[in-house]
Amino acid sequence: MATAALVLGIIGLVAWLIPIIGYPVTIVGLVLGIKSVKSEKRGMAIAGIVMSSIGLVLSLVNSIAGVILYSSMT
């Protein structure tokens, strides 16, 4: 699970550009990372949590910017 969290965290850092893809990827990465913190691969789990968190924040900022830009156009 720690490996999956790390991979999803890496994918989430790219997927934030499209929030519809970024949210599910980063949320699943966070959940898997949190569940696997107590495993032997703790470092990978923490790295997955950090990258997923950054991706989630970037997705949120991207969504807010999109809403602001859309509302200013109308």
N, C-alpha and C. Protein backbone atom coordinates (compact mmCIF):
# COMPACT_ATOMS: atom_id res chain seq x y z
N MET A 1 0.82 -1.20 0.00
CA MET A 1 0.00 0.00 0.00
C MET A 1 0.86 1.26 0.00
N ALA A 2 2.02 1.19 0.64
CA ALA A 2 2.91 2.36 0.67
C ALA A 2 3.42 2.67 -0.72
N THR A 3 3.71 1.64 -1.50
CA THR A 3 4.16 1.85 -2.87
C THR A 3 3.06 2.48 -3.71
N ALA A 4 1.85 2.00 -3.53
CA ALA A 4 0.71 2.57 -4.27
C ALA A 4 0.49 4.03 -3.88
N ALA A 5 0.65 4.34 -2.60
CA ALA A 5 0.50 5.73 -2.15
C ALA A 5 1.56 6.62 -2.79
N LEU A 6 2.77 6.11 -2.88
CA LEU A 6 3.85 6.88 -3.50
C LEU A 6 3.58 7.10 -4.98
N VAL A 7 3.17 6.06 -5.68
CA VAL A 7 2.88 6.18 -7.11
C VAL A 7 1.71 7.14 -7.34
N LEU A 8 0.66 7.01 -6.54
CA LEU A 8 -0.49 7.91 -6.69
C LEU A 8 -0.12 9.35 -6.34
N GLY A 9 0.79 9.53 -5.40
CA GLY A 9 1.27 10.87 -5.07
C GLY A 9 2.01 11.49 -6.23
N ILE A 10 2.83 10.70 -6.91
CA ILE A 10 3.56 11.19 -8.08
C ILE A 10 2.58 11.53 -9.20
N ILE A 11 1.63 10.65 -9.44
CA ILE A 11 0.63 10.90 -10.48
C ILE A 11 -0.21 12.12 -10.11
N GLY A 12 -0.52 12.27 -8.83
CA GLY A 12 -1.31 13.41 -8.38
C GLY A 12 -0.64 14.75 -8.60
N LEU A 13 0.70 14.76 -8.59
CA LEU A 13 1.42 16.00 -8.84
C LEU A 13 1.29 16.45 -10.29
N VAL A 14 0.99 15.51 -11.17
CA VAL A 14 0.76 15.85 -12.57
C VAL A 14 -0.73 16.04 -12.83
N ALA A 15 -1.55 15.24 -12.14
CA ALA A 15 -3.00 15.24 -12.40
C ALA A 15 -3.72 16.46 -11.85
N TRP A 16 -3.08 17.30 -11.09
CA TRP A 16 -3.76 18.47 -10.52
C TRP A 16 -4.17 19.45 -11.61
N LEU A 17 -3.56 19.33 -12.79
CA LEU A 17 -3.92 20.23 -13.88
C LEU A 17 -5.36 20.03 -14.33
N ILE A 18 -5.89 18.82 -14.14
CA ILE A 18 -7.28 18.51 -14.45
C ILE A 18 -7.93 18.06 -13.14
N PRO A 19 -8.60 18.96 -12.43
CA PRO A 19 -9.10 18.65 -11.09
C PRO A 19 -10.02 17.43 -11.03
N ILE A 20 -10.74 17.13 -12.11
CA ILE A 20 -11.62 15.96 -12.09
C ILE A 20 -10.80 14.69 -11.91
N ILE A 21 -9.59 14.67 -12.43
CA ILE A 21 -8.70 13.52 -12.26
C ILE A 21 -7.87 13.68 -10.99
N GLY A 22 -7.48 14.90 -10.68
CA GLY A 22 -6.58 15.15 -9.55
C GLY A 22 -7.18 14.81 -8.20
N TYR A 23 -8.45 15.15 -7.99
CA TYR A 23 -9.07 14.89 -6.69
C TYR A 23 -9.10 13.40 -6.33
N PRO A 24 -9.65 12.54 -7.17
CA PRO A 24 -9.71 11.12 -6.77
C PRO A 24 -8.34 10.49 -6.59
N VAL A 25 -7.40 10.84 -7.47
CA VAL A 25 -6.06 10.24 -7.38
C VAL A 25 -5.39 10.64 -6.07
N THR A 26 -5.45 11.92 -5.73
CA THR A 26 -4.78 12.37 -4.52
C THR A 26 -5.48 11.89 -3.25
N ILE A 27 -6.79 11.81 -3.28
CA ILE A 27 -7.51 11.34 -2.10
C ILE A 27 -7.22 9.87 -1.84
N VAL A 28 -7.21 9.06 -2.89
CA VAL A 28 -6.88 7.64 -2.72
C VAL A 28 -5.44 7.50 -2.26
N GLY A 29 -4.54 8.30 -2.80
CA GLY A 29 -3.14 8.27 -2.36
C GLY A 29 -3.00 8.62 -0.89
N LEU A 30 -3.75 9.62 -0.44
CA LEU A 30 -3.72 9.98 0.99
C LEU A 30 -4.22 8.86 1.87
N VAL A 31 -5.33 8.27 1.48
CA VAL A 31 -5.91 7.18 2.29
C VAL A 31 -4.94 6.01 2.37
N LEU A 32 -4.38 5.60 1.25
CA LEU A 32 -3.44 4.48 1.26
C LEU A 32 -2.18 4.82 2.06
N GLY A 33 -1.72 6.05 1.94
CA GLY A 33 -0.53 6.46 2.69
C GLY A 33 -0.78 6.47 4.19
N ILE A 34 -1.93 6.97 4.59
CA ILE A 34 -2.26 7.01 6.02
C ILE A 34 -2.41 5.60 6.58
N LYS A 35 -3.02 4.71 5.79
CA LYS A 35 -3.20 3.33 6.26
C LYS A 35 -1.88 2.57 6.36
N SER A 36 -0.90 2.96 5.55
CA SER A 36 0.34 2.19 5.52
C SER A 36 1.49 2.86 6.28
N VAL A 37 1.21 3.86 7.08
CA VAL A 37 2.27 4.52 7.84
C VAL A 37 2.92 3.58 8.84
N LYS A 38 2.17 2.65 9.36
CA LYS A 38 2.72 1.74 10.36
C LYS A 38 3.37 0.50 9.76
N SER A 39 3.52 0.46 8.45
CA SER A 39 4.13 -0.70 7.79
C SER A 39 5.65 -0.55 7.78
N GLU A 40 6.32 -1.51 7.16
CA GLU A 40 7.78 -1.47 7.08
C GLU A 40 8.26 -0.37 6.14
N LYS A 41 7.45 -0.03 5.18
CA LYS A 41 7.83 0.98 4.19
C LYS A 41 7.29 2.35 4.60
N ARG A 42 7.61 2.76 5.80
CA ARG A 42 7.08 4.00 6.37
C ARG A 42 7.51 5.22 5.58
N GLY A 43 8.75 5.24 5.10
CA GLY A 43 9.26 6.38 4.35
C GLY A 43 8.50 6.60 3.06
N MET A 44 8.21 5.51 2.36
CA MET A 44 7.44 5.62 1.12
C MET A 44 6.02 6.09 1.41
N ALA A 45 5.45 5.64 2.52
CA ALA A 45 4.10 6.05 2.88
C ALA A 45 4.06 7.55 3.19
N ILE A 46 5.05 8.03 3.92
CA ILE A 46 5.10 9.45 4.25
C ILE A 46 5.32 10.29 2.99
N ALA A 47 6.20 9.82 2.10
CA ALA A 47 6.41 10.54 0.85
C ALA A 47 5.13 10.58 0.03
N GLY A 48 4.38 9.48 0.02
CA GLY A 48 3.10 9.44 -0.69
C GLY A 48 2.09 10.41 -0.08
N ILE A 49 2.07 10.47 1.24
CA ILE A 49 1.16 11.41 1.92
C ILE A 49 1.52 12.84 1.58
N VAL A 50 2.79 13.17 1.60
CA VAL A 50 3.23 14.55 1.32
C VAL A 50 2.90 14.93 -0.11
N MET A 51 3.23 14.05 -1.06
CA MET A 51 2.97 14.38 -2.46
C MET A 51 1.47 14.42 -2.77
N SER A 52 0.71 13.54 -2.16
CA SER A 52 -0.74 13.56 -2.35
C SER A 52 -1.34 14.83 -1.76
N SER A 53 -0.83 15.25 -0.62
CA SER A 53 -1.33 16.49 0.00
C SER A 53 -1.04 17.70 -0.88
N ILE A 54 0.16 17.75 -1.42
CA ILE A 54 0.52 18.86 -2.31
C ILE A 54 -0.36 18.83 -3.55
N GLY A 55 -0.57 17.65 -4.12
CA GLY A 55 -1.43 17.53 -5.29
C GLY A 55 -2.87 17.92 -5.00
N LEU A 56 -3.35 17.58 -3.81
CA LEU A 56 -4.72 17.94 -3.43
C LEU A 56 -4.86 19.45 -3.28
N VAL A 57 -3.88 20.09 -2.67
CA VAL A 57 -3.92 21.55 -2.51
C VAL A 57 -3.86 22.23 -3.88
N LEU A 58 -2.99 21.72 -4.76
CA LEU A 58 -2.90 22.30 -6.10
C LEU A 58 -4.19 22.10 -6.88
N SER A 59 -4.83 20.95 -6.74
CA SER A 59 -6.11 20.71 -7.41
C SER A 59 -7.17 21.67 -6.89
N LEU A 60 -7.17 21.90 -5.59
CA LEU A 60 -8.13 22.83 -4.99
C LEU A 60 -7.90 24.25 -5.50
N VAL A 61 -6.65 24.68 -5.55
CA VAL A 61 -6.32 26.02 -6.04
C VAL A 61 -6.73 26.14 -7.51
N ASN A 62 -6.48 25.10 -8.28
CA ASN A 62 -6.85 25.10 -9.69
C ASN A 62 -8.37 25.20 -9.86
N SER A 63 -9.10 24.49 -9.05
CA SER A 63 -10.56 24.54 -9.11
C SER A 63 -11.07 25.94 -8.76
N ILE A 64 -10.53 26.52 -7.70
CA ILE A 64 -10.95 27.86 -7.28
C ILE A 64 -10.62 28.87 -8.36
N ALA A 65 -9.44 28.77 -8.95
CA ALA A 65 -9.06 29.70 -10.03
C ALA A 65 -9.99 29.55 -11.22
N GLY A 66 -10.38 28.32 -11.53
CA GLY A 66 -11.31 28.10 -12.64
C GLY A 66 -12.66 28.71 -12.38
N VAL A 67 -13.15 28.59 -11.16
CA VAL A 67 -14.44 29.17 -10.81
C VAL A 67 -14.38 30.69 -10.87
N ILE A 68 -13.30 31.26 -10.37
CA ILE A 68 -13.15 32.72 -10.40
C ILE A 68 -13.07 33.22 -11.84
N LEU A 69 -12.30 32.54 -12.67
CA LEU A 69 -12.18 32.96 -14.07
C LEU A 69 -13.51 32.81 -14.80
N TYR A 70 -14.22 31.73 -14.54
CA TYR A 70 -15.51 31.53 -15.20
C TYR A 70 -16.52 32.60 -14.76
N SER A 71 -16.53 32.91 -13.47
CA SER A 71 -17.51 33.89 -12.98
C SER A 71 -17.18 35.31 -13.46
N SER A 72 -15.92 35.59 -13.71
CA SER A 72 -15.55 36.92 -14.21
C SER A 72 -15.88 37.08 -15.70
N MET A 73 -16.03 35.98 -16.41
CA MET A 73 -16.34 36.03 -17.83
C MET A 73 -17.83 36.27 -18.07
N THR A 74 -18.66 35.90 -17.12
CA THR A 74 -20.11 36.04 -17.32
C THR A 74 -20.63 37.33 -16.77
